[in-house]
Amino acid sequence: MIKEVMKAKTEREAIVEILVFVLVVLISTFILRFTWNNSLSKHITVLKPINSFFDALFLSISFRILGGI
């Protein structure tokens, strides 16, 4: 994400890159929460359901960082 912002030629392109990143994180947060609660926590007994949006958001951001964004 930082590479795309640095490559942006105009301020508008940089803002678009940041907004795309935020949108991707929010969408992945909802997908992660749905998948976690409906599949993972039911089949893997040591995992507990995610109850709050912020737990899912932090987990999603952590996965994005580990994945190299």
Protein backbone atom coordinates (compact mmCIF):
# COMPACT_ATOMS: atom_id res chain seq x y z
CA MET A 1 0.00 0.00 0.00
CA ILE A 2 2.80 2.41 0.84
CA LYS A 3 4.42 1.69 -2.52
CA GLU A 4 1.26 2.67 -4.38
CA VAL A 5 0.92 5.88 -2.37
CA MET A 6 4.56 6.76 -3.05
CA LYS A 7 4.10 6.09 -6.79
CA ALA A 8 1.07 8.36 -6.96
CA LYS A 9 1.75 11.33 -9.19
CA THR A 10 -0.88 13.58 -7.71
CA GLU A 11 -2.38 14.11 -4.29
CA ARG A 12 -5.71 12.83 -5.60
CA GLU A 13 -4.16 9.51 -6.65
CA ALA A 14 -2.62 9.12 -3.18
CA ILE A 15 -5.99 9.76 -1.53
CA VAL A 16 -7.63 7.22 -3.83
CA GLU A 17 -5.00 4.60 -2.91
CA ILE A 18 -5.56 5.22 0.80
CA LEU A 19 -9.34 5.01 0.41
CA VAL A 20 -9.03 1.76 -1.54
CA PHE A 21 -6.86 0.33 1.23
CA VAL A 22 -9.41 1.33 3.88
CA LEU A 23 -12.25 -0.14 1.82
CA VAL A 24 -10.38 -3.43 1.34
CA VAL A 25 -9.68 -3.66 5.08
CA LEU A 26 -13.35 -3.02 5.94
CA ILE A 27 -14.63 -5.58 3.44
CA SER A 28 -12.11 -8.16 4.61
CA THR A 29 -13.15 -7.43 8.21
CA PHE A 30 -16.75 -8.36 7.50
CA ILE A 31 -15.76 -11.44 5.50
CA LEU A 32 -13.34 -12.50 8.24
CA ARG A 33 -15.96 -12.09 10.98
CA PHE A 34 -18.56 -14.04 9.00
CA THR A 35 -16.11 -16.84 8.14
CA TRP A 36 -14.63 -16.96 11.63
CA ASN A 37 -17.99 -17.17 13.41
CA ASN A 38 -19.76 -19.47 10.95
CA SER A 39 -16.99 -21.89 10.05
CA LEU A 40 -13.79 -21.68 12.03
CA SER A 41 -15.17 -21.36 15.56
CA LYS A 42 -17.67 -24.20 14.96
CA HIS A 43 -15.13 -26.67 13.60
CA ILE A 44 -12.01 -25.73 15.56
CA THR A 45 -12.94 -25.93 19.21
CA VAL A 46 -10.11 -23.77 20.60
CA LEU A 47 -11.30 -20.73 18.60
CA LYS A 48 -13.97 -18.50 20.09
CA PRO A 49 -16.46 -16.41 18.08
CA ILE A 50 -15.64 -12.78 17.38
CA ASN A 51 -18.13 -10.59 19.23
CA SER A 52 -17.09 -7.05 18.35
CA PHE A 53 -16.29 -5.18 15.18
CA PHE A 54 -12.98 -3.96 16.61
CA ASP A 55 -11.79 -7.50 17.33
CA ALA A 56 -12.49 -8.42 13.72
CA LEU A 57 -10.86 -5.19 12.49
CA PHE A 58 -7.64 -5.75 14.45
CA LEU A 59 -7.51 -9.38 13.35
CA SER A 60 -8.06 -8.37 9.74
CA ILE A 61 -5.33 -5.73 9.89
CA SER A 62 -2.99 -8.26 11.49
CA PHE A 63 -3.62 -10.74 8.69
CA ARG A 64 -3.06 -8.01 6.08
CA ILE A 65 0.26 -7.07 7.68
CA LEU A 66 1.36 -10.70 7.92
CA GLY A 67 0.35 -11.22 4.31
CA GLY A 68 2.44 -8.28 3.17
CA ILE A 69 -0.52 -6.01 2.49
